[in-house]
Structures are given as structure tokens and as C-alpha cells.
Amino acid sequence: MDPSAVQAYYAAKSQHERDRLLSAEGLLERVLTTRLLEPHLGAPGRALDLGGGTGPYSVWLAELGWDVTLADLSPELLAIAESSLPAGTVREVVQIDARDLSRWGDATFDSVLSLGPMYHLTTAPDRALAARELARVTRPGGRVAVALMPRYVSVRRLLSLPDERWQLADPAVLDRLLDDGVFENAVPDRFTHVYGVEPRDVAPFFESHGFSTVTLASTHGFLTGVEDGLEELRLEDPAAYTRLLDRLVATASDPGVLATAGHLLYVGRRRQDPTSPDS
């Protein structure tokens, strides 16, 4: 990962990031993320919202009674958080790289949300380092939630943006994206240094770094790409919306929706003995 390129994107898009989870697409992602995660969090304790940006999930955790630390790579996003979060929402706001959490000791947190950093780590050593750090700062038995992007998402995104689509004229761009999962945007200050996963590889990866898998789910369910229609249904017929949302939650781990999801959510439990898959 090139931290400066990722920081440049979030600096240019800081207001967009502040409002992203208020869009139709973002609202579905936020609702499904919280619905999928809350049953697994356990009793409130100390939580790290890593890559938490302007802090929407920090607010959610705090409302559930968690003692939250908000951390992110982007100073611009953290500045928005510091100026807008209600007083007392978080213990501290920290600028940090997910690959180096040495600010905190081993087993500091009862739960860690990492809803962003992992899909900007384009090399295997960086992803392994971030996973080891995630395991190190999480207490044994604690839960982690990690956001990931399937690799097909970047193809759909490129096709939808005329001023970026031209990059697909280079066969090497498409090959690298689909074969290696890596996309480095040639357009300045755009979403870049993206790593897209193969869903079948997610659980084995985290299990090799000290976690037992709880679930892997789509945070858009089977409605990726039609989120606007769902939001219109919410306004037109709340009862129908609620029924459909319940079905989205119930089917969010269906293998048929994982590869084409907008985002994936991995939930894992930190093993007592990270070297043993059964601990």
C-alpha cells in the first residue's frame, strides 16, 4: 500500500466519506453491517474502530455501551470526527496505520472493527502484517469485524465511471484486477490501491492468523446495485421494507451473493491459542 495515495483520496473525498453512509447504497451497508454484527459482539467492553473515518460506527458502538477508540489513516476524516462527534462518544481519536498498532499492548480490546483498512492493502505481506496486528491487540475470545471488497466490484465501478473506464483498454489492468485482485487507479485522487478478495480465501486467511470464523456475509445482500429501489421501498411501504430486510439478513452468507457483493463482512473470534484451530 502507498499510504500517501490512499490519504490523498480520502483528503479529496472527505465530505463524501462523511455522508457516504447516508446514501441509499450506504444506508443498506450500514444497516446490514450493524444487524449482522450486533448478535456476535457480546457484552460491551473496550472497542477499537480501526479505519473508522468520521466515526459513524463509533457512535453506534458507544450507543451500545462500548468504550470506543476511533483510529484512521486519514487526518482529514479524523478532523471531521473530532468536530462532529457528540462529546464523550470516544475515548480517543488516533491517526494510525493498520499495519502498526504498537501504540496498544497485546489483548487491549474486547472487540475490533476494521471496516476499511484491509481492502487498501495490495500486497500479501501487508495484509498478513495487518492481520497479525489485529489479532495481537484483540483479547482471546474477543470478536473482530473486517470489511473486504470482492474483486468484481472494481470492474463494475470502472465501467460505471466514464472518466476512469478508459483504463480497461489496457488488458494488463483487467488481468491484474481479476487475477491478482489489485487495482491502482491512474486517475489522481480517486479510489485507489484496492485489493479485491476471492470469498473462498477469506476464512482460511483469517484462520491462519489466529481467528475462528463466525460468519462471512454480504453487507448489500442480494441487492447490490439496486439499493435506490430498496430505499424507495422503505419510504413507500415500511412493512414491506422490513420483511425484505429481514430476508437480506437471513441470506447474507449465501455463497451465491458473496462474490458479487458490494462489500463483505468477516466476523471472527480471537482464538485462545492462535496456533490451534480448535481453541
Protein backbone atom coordinates (compact mmCIF):
# COMPACT_ATOMS: atom_id res chain seq x y z
CA MET A 1 0.00 0.00 0.00
CA ASP A 2 1.10 3.55 -0.73
CA PRO A 3 -0.25 5.46 2.30
CA SER A 4 0.16 8.82 0.58
CA ALA A 5 -2.06 7.81 -2.36
CA VAL A 6 -4.75 6.45 -0.08
CA GLN A 7 -4.55 9.54 2.14
CA ALA A 8 -4.81 11.78 -0.93
CA TYR A 9 -8.05 10.07 -1.97
CA TYR A 10 -9.64 10.47 1.46
CA ALA A 11 -8.43 14.06 1.70
CA ALA A 12 -10.11 14.86 -1.62
CA LYS A 13 -13.27 12.92 -0.71
CA SER A 14 -13.56 13.72 2.99
CA GLN A 15 -17.02 15.28 2.71
CA HIS A 16 -18.19 12.40 0.53
CA GLU A 17 -16.95 9.94 3.15
CA ARG A 18 -18.74 11.87 5.87
CA ASP A 19 -22.03 11.46 4.00
CA ARG A 20 -21.45 8.11 2.27
CA LEU A 21 -23.43 6.01 4.74
CA LEU A 22 -26.39 8.36 4.30
CA SER A 23 -26.80 7.48 0.61
CA ALA A 24 -29.15 4.66 -0.41
CA GLU A 25 -26.20 2.34 -1.00
CA GLY A 26 -24.52 3.41 2.22
CA LEU A 27 -27.67 3.07 4.30
CA LEU A 28 -28.10 -0.56 3.28
CA GLU A 29 -24.44 -1.27 4.01
CA ARG A 30 -24.71 0.36 7.43
CA VAL A 31 -27.99 -1.34 8.39
CA LEU A 32 -26.81 -4.79 7.32
CA THR A 33 -23.39 -4.34 8.95
CA THR A 34 -24.94 -3.49 12.30
CA ARG A 35 -27.64 -6.16 12.02
CA LEU A 36 -25.09 -8.84 11.14
CA LEU A 37 -22.56 -7.79 13.75
CA GLU A 38 -24.59 -6.96 16.85
CA PRO A 39 -25.55 -10.56 17.76
CA HIS A 40 -21.87 -11.52 17.90
CA LEU A 41 -20.37 -8.60 19.81
CA GLY A 42 -21.08 -9.85 23.32
CA ALA A 43 -21.16 -7.69 26.46
CA PRO A 44 -19.80 -4.16 25.98
CA GLY A 45 -16.16 -3.61 26.77
CA ARG A 46 -13.35 -1.73 25.10
CA ALA A 47 -13.56 -1.43 21.31
CA LEU A 48 -11.28 -0.19 18.55
CA ASP A 49 -12.95 1.34 15.48
CA LEU A 50 -9.98 0.95 13.14
CA GLY A 51 -10.34 2.77 9.84
CA GLY A 52 -13.46 4.31 11.33
CA GLY A 53 -13.19 7.54 9.34
CA THR A 54 -15.60 10.19 10.58
CA GLY A 55 -16.93 7.82 13.24
CA PRO A 56 -20.43 6.55 12.33
CA TYR A 57 -19.72 3.10 13.73
CA SER A 58 -18.04 4.61 16.79
CA VAL A 59 -21.35 6.34 17.54
CA TRP A 60 -23.20 3.04 17.12
CA LEU A 61 -20.80 1.20 19.42
CA ALA A 62 -20.96 3.95 22.04
CA GLU A 63 -24.77 3.82 21.98
CA LEU A 64 -24.50 0.09 22.78
CA GLY A 65 -22.32 0.90 25.79
CA TRP A 66 -18.85 0.30 24.39
CA ASP A 67 -15.75 2.29 25.39
CA VAL A 68 -14.57 3.25 21.90
CA THR A 69 -11.25 4.34 20.43
CA LEU A 70 -11.51 5.76 16.91
CA ALA A 71 -8.48 5.35 14.65
CA ASP A 72 -7.85 6.07 10.97
CA LEU A 73 -5.07 6.77 8.47
CA SER A 74 -6.71 9.99 7.25
CA PRO A 75 -6.19 13.18 9.27
CA GLU A 76 -8.99 14.88 7.32
CA LEU A 77 -11.56 12.25 8.27
CA LEU A 78 -10.45 12.31 11.89
CA ALA A 79 -10.72 16.10 11.95
CA ILE A 80 -14.36 15.81 10.84
CA ALA A 81 -14.93 13.22 13.56
CA GLU A 82 -13.40 15.41 16.26
CA SER A 83 -15.55 18.37 15.24
CA SER A 84 -18.81 16.48 14.85
CA LEU A 85 -18.99 13.55 17.25
CA PRO A 86 -21.08 14.12 20.38
CA ALA A 87 -18.97 14.76 23.46
CA GLY A 88 -17.97 11.56 25.21
CA THR A 89 -18.55 9.30 22.21
CA VAL A 90 -14.95 8.08 22.06
CA ARG A 91 -12.07 7.68 24.49
CA GLU A 92 -9.53 8.99 21.96
CA VAL A 93 -9.05 9.76 18.28
CA VAL A 94 -5.82 8.41 16.80
CA GLN A 95 -4.19 8.70 13.39
CA ILE A 96 -2.64 5.31 12.69
CA ASP A 97 -1.70 2.78 10.03
CA ALA A 98 -3.45 -0.58 10.43
CA ARG A 99 -0.14 -2.35 9.84
CA ASP A 100 1.37 -0.89 13.00
CA LEU A 101 -0.80 -0.87 16.13
CA SER A 102 2.17 -0.75 18.52
CA ARG A 103 0.50 2.16 20.31
CA TRP A 104 -1.54 -0.51 22.10
CA GLY A 105 -0.41 -3.54 24.02
CA ASP A 106 -1.43 -7.14 23.50
CA ALA A 107 -5.10 -8.00 24.14
CA THR A 108 -6.10 -4.36 24.70
CA PHE A 109 -9.50 -4.58 23.04
CA ASP A 110 -12.54 -6.77 23.58
CA SER A 111 -13.72 -6.09 20.03
CA VAL A 112 -12.18 -4.52 16.93
CA LEU A 113 -13.97 -3.20 13.88
CA SER A 114 -11.73 -2.84 10.85
CA LEU A 115 -14.20 -1.66 8.24
CA GLY A 116 -11.86 -0.28 5.62
CA PRO A 117 -8.11 -0.77 6.01
CA MET A 118 -7.85 -4.32 4.69
CA TYR A 119 -9.13 -3.51 1.20
CA HIS A 120 -6.37 -0.94 0.67
CA LEU A 121 -3.55 -3.42 1.41
CA THR A 122 -2.48 -4.60 -2.02
CA THR A 123 0.43 -6.87 -1.05
CA ALA A 124 0.29 -10.18 0.78
CA PRO A 125 2.94 -9.15 3.35
CA ASP A 126 0.96 -6.00 4.24
CA ARG A 127 -2.26 -7.98 4.66
CA ALA A 128 -0.52 -10.55 6.83
CA LEU A 129 1.03 -7.81 8.96
CA ALA A 130 -2.33 -6.10 9.45
CA ALA A 131 -3.99 -9.41 10.37
CA ARG A 132 -1.26 -10.20 12.91
CA GLU A 133 -1.64 -6.77 14.49
CA LEU A 134 -5.41 -7.18 14.56
CA ALA A 135 -5.02 -10.49 16.38
CA ARG A 136 -2.40 -9.12 18.75
CA VAL A 137 -4.48 -6.23 20.09
CA THR A 138 -7.66 -8.33 20.44
CA ARG A 139 -8.12 -10.29 23.65
CA PRO A 140 -8.57 -14.07 23.34
CA GLY A 141 -12.26 -14.72 22.81
CA GLY A 142 -12.84 -11.20 21.51
CA ARG A 143 -14.57 -10.52 18.23
CA VAL A 144 -13.26 -8.76 15.14
CA ALA A 145 -15.23 -7.48 12.16
CA VAL A 146 -13.36 -6.81 8.93
CA ALA A 147 -14.74 -5.20 5.77
CA LEU A 148 -13.48 -6.61 2.48
CA MET A 149 -14.18 -6.00 -1.20
CA PRO A 150 -14.73 -8.79 -3.73
CA ARG A 151 -12.59 -8.21 -6.79
CA TYR A 152 -15.50 -7.95 -9.22
CA VAL A 153 -16.56 -4.70 -7.51
CA SER A 154 -13.69 -2.75 -9.05
CA VAL A 155 -14.67 -3.85 -12.56
CA ARG A 156 -18.25 -2.69 -12.02
CA ARG A 157 -17.00 0.56 -10.56
CA LEU A 158 -14.72 1.26 -13.52
CA LEU A 159 -17.49 0.53 -16.00
CA SER A 160 -19.78 2.98 -14.23
CA LEU A 161 -17.34 5.93 -14.41
CA PRO A 162 -16.66 7.28 -17.92
CA ASP A 163 -13.58 9.27 -16.87
CA GLU A 164 -11.96 6.14 -15.39
CA ARG A 165 -13.32 3.49 -17.77
CA TRP A 166 -10.56 4.10 -20.33
CA GLN A 167 -8.15 2.16 -18.11
CA LEU A 168 -9.86 -1.07 -19.16
CA ALA A 169 -8.41 -0.57 -22.65
CA ASP A 170 -5.17 -1.88 -21.18
CA PRO A 171 -5.51 -5.69 -20.91
CA ALA A 172 -2.94 -5.69 -18.10
CA VAL A 173 -5.27 -3.61 -15.91
CA LEU A 174 -8.12 -6.09 -16.21
CA ASP A 175 -5.80 -9.09 -15.83
CA ARG A 176 -4.20 -7.70 -12.70
CA LEU A 177 -7.58 -6.79 -11.24
CA LEU A 178 -9.23 -10.17 -11.88
CA ASP A 179 -6.20 -12.43 -11.46
CA ASP A 180 -4.43 -10.68 -8.57
CA GLY A 181 -7.28 -8.59 -7.14
CA VAL A 182 -5.24 -5.38 -7.36
CA PHE A 183 -6.35 -2.05 -8.83
CA GLU A 184 -4.17 1.07 -8.77
CA ASN A 185 -6.09 3.97 -10.22
CA ALA A 186 -4.29 6.05 -12.83
CA VAL A 187 -6.66 8.98 -12.23
CA PRO A 188 -5.31 11.16 -9.40
CA ASP A 189 -7.18 11.48 -6.12
CA ARG A 190 -9.63 8.69 -6.93
CA PHE A 191 -10.35 5.46 -5.08
CA THR A 192 -7.12 3.54 -5.42
CA HIS A 193 -4.76 0.86 -4.14
CA VAL A 194 -7.65 -1.56 -3.88
CA TYR A 195 -7.39 -5.25 -3.08
CA GLY A 196 -10.34 -7.44 -4.01
CA VAL A 197 -10.70 -10.84 -2.38
CA GLU A 198 -11.95 -14.19 -3.58
CA PRO A 199 -14.60 -15.04 -0.96
CA ARG A 200 -13.39 -18.63 -0.66
CA ASP A 201 -9.99 -17.38 0.53
CA VAL A 202 -11.25 -15.12 3.32
CA ALA A 203 -11.90 -17.58 6.15
CA PRO A 204 -8.67 -19.56 5.62
CA PHE A 205 -6.67 -16.33 5.63
CA PHE A 206 -8.00 -15.10 8.96
CA GLU A 207 -7.95 -18.58 10.48
CA SER A 208 -4.23 -18.74 9.66
CA HIS A 209 -3.75 -15.57 11.72
CA GLY A 210 -5.41 -16.61 14.96
CA PHE A 211 -9.16 -16.35 14.40
CA SER A 212 -12.07 -18.76 14.30
CA THR A 213 -14.63 -17.82 11.69
CA VAL A 214 -18.06 -16.75 12.94
CA THR A 215 -19.53 -15.59 9.62
CA LEU A 216 -18.74 -14.14 6.21
CA ALA A 217 -21.61 -12.13 4.78
CA SER A 218 -22.55 -9.57 2.15
CA THR A 219 -23.41 -6.15 3.52
CA HIS A 220 -25.58 -5.50 0.45
CA GLY A 221 -27.18 -8.93 0.40
CA PHE A 222 -28.59 -9.88 -2.97
CA LEU A 223 -29.49 -6.24 -3.70
CA THR A 224 -26.08 -4.95 -4.81
CA GLY A 225 -26.73 -2.32 -7.47
CA VAL A 226 -30.42 -1.72 -6.68
CA GLU A 227 -30.07 -0.02 -3.31
CA ASP A 228 -32.01 3.03 -4.53
CA GLY A 229 -35.05 0.86 -5.06
CA LEU A 230 -34.81 -0.54 -1.55
CA GLU A 231 -34.62 2.97 -0.11
CA GLU A 232 -37.70 3.97 -2.12
CA LEU A 233 -39.50 0.91 -0.76
CA ARG A 234 -38.55 1.95 2.79
CA LEU A 235 -40.30 5.28 2.25
CA GLU A 236 -43.29 3.87 0.34
CA ASP A 237 -44.03 0.72 2.34
CA PRO A 238 -42.10 0.35 5.62
CA ALA A 239 -43.62 -3.06 6.38
CA ALA A 240 -42.55 -4.50 3.02
CA TYR A 241 -39.10 -2.95 3.51
CA THR A 242 -38.74 -4.58 6.93
CA ARG A 243 -39.75 -8.01 5.59
CA LEU A 244 -37.26 -7.75 2.72
CA LEU A 245 -34.51 -6.51 5.05
CA ASP A 246 -35.06 -9.49 7.34
CA ARG A 247 -34.62 -11.80 4.35
CA LEU A 248 -31.44 -9.95 3.34
CA VAL A 249 -30.00 -10.58 6.79
CA ALA A 250 -31.05 -14.23 6.75
CA THR A 251 -29.44 -14.85 3.35
CA ALA A 252 -26.40 -12.58 3.66
CA SER A 253 -24.00 -15.53 3.92
CA ASP A 254 -25.41 -17.34 0.89
CA PRO A 255 -22.38 -18.25 -1.28
CA GLY A 256 -24.37 -17.11 -4.30
CA VAL A 257 -24.27 -13.47 -3.20
CA LEU A 258 -20.74 -13.24 -1.79
CA ALA A 259 -18.71 -12.88 -4.99
CA THR A 260 -20.91 -10.11 -6.39
CA ALA A 261 -21.41 -8.25 -3.12
CA GLY A 262 -20.55 -4.59 -2.79
CA HIS A 263 -18.72 -5.29 0.45
CA LEU A 264 -18.11 -8.36 2.56
CA LEU A 265 -18.10 -8.54 6.34
CA TYR A 266 -15.89 -11.13 8.04
CA VAL A 267 -16.61 -11.74 11.71
CA GLY A 268 -14.10 -13.80 13.67
CA ARG A 269 -13.33 -14.82 17.23
CA ARG A 270 -9.77 -14.44 18.51
CA ARG A 271 -8.63 -17.92 19.48
CA GLN A 272 -7.18 -18.60 22.92
CA ASP A 273 -4.24 -20.29 21.23
CA PRO A 274 -3.67 -18.69 17.84
CA THR A 275 -1.74 -21.75 16.64
CA SER A 276 -4.64 -24.11 17.30
CA PRO A 277 -7.72 -24.02 15.04
CA ASP A 278 -9.91 -25.56 17.75
CA SER A 279 -9.06 -23.35 20.73
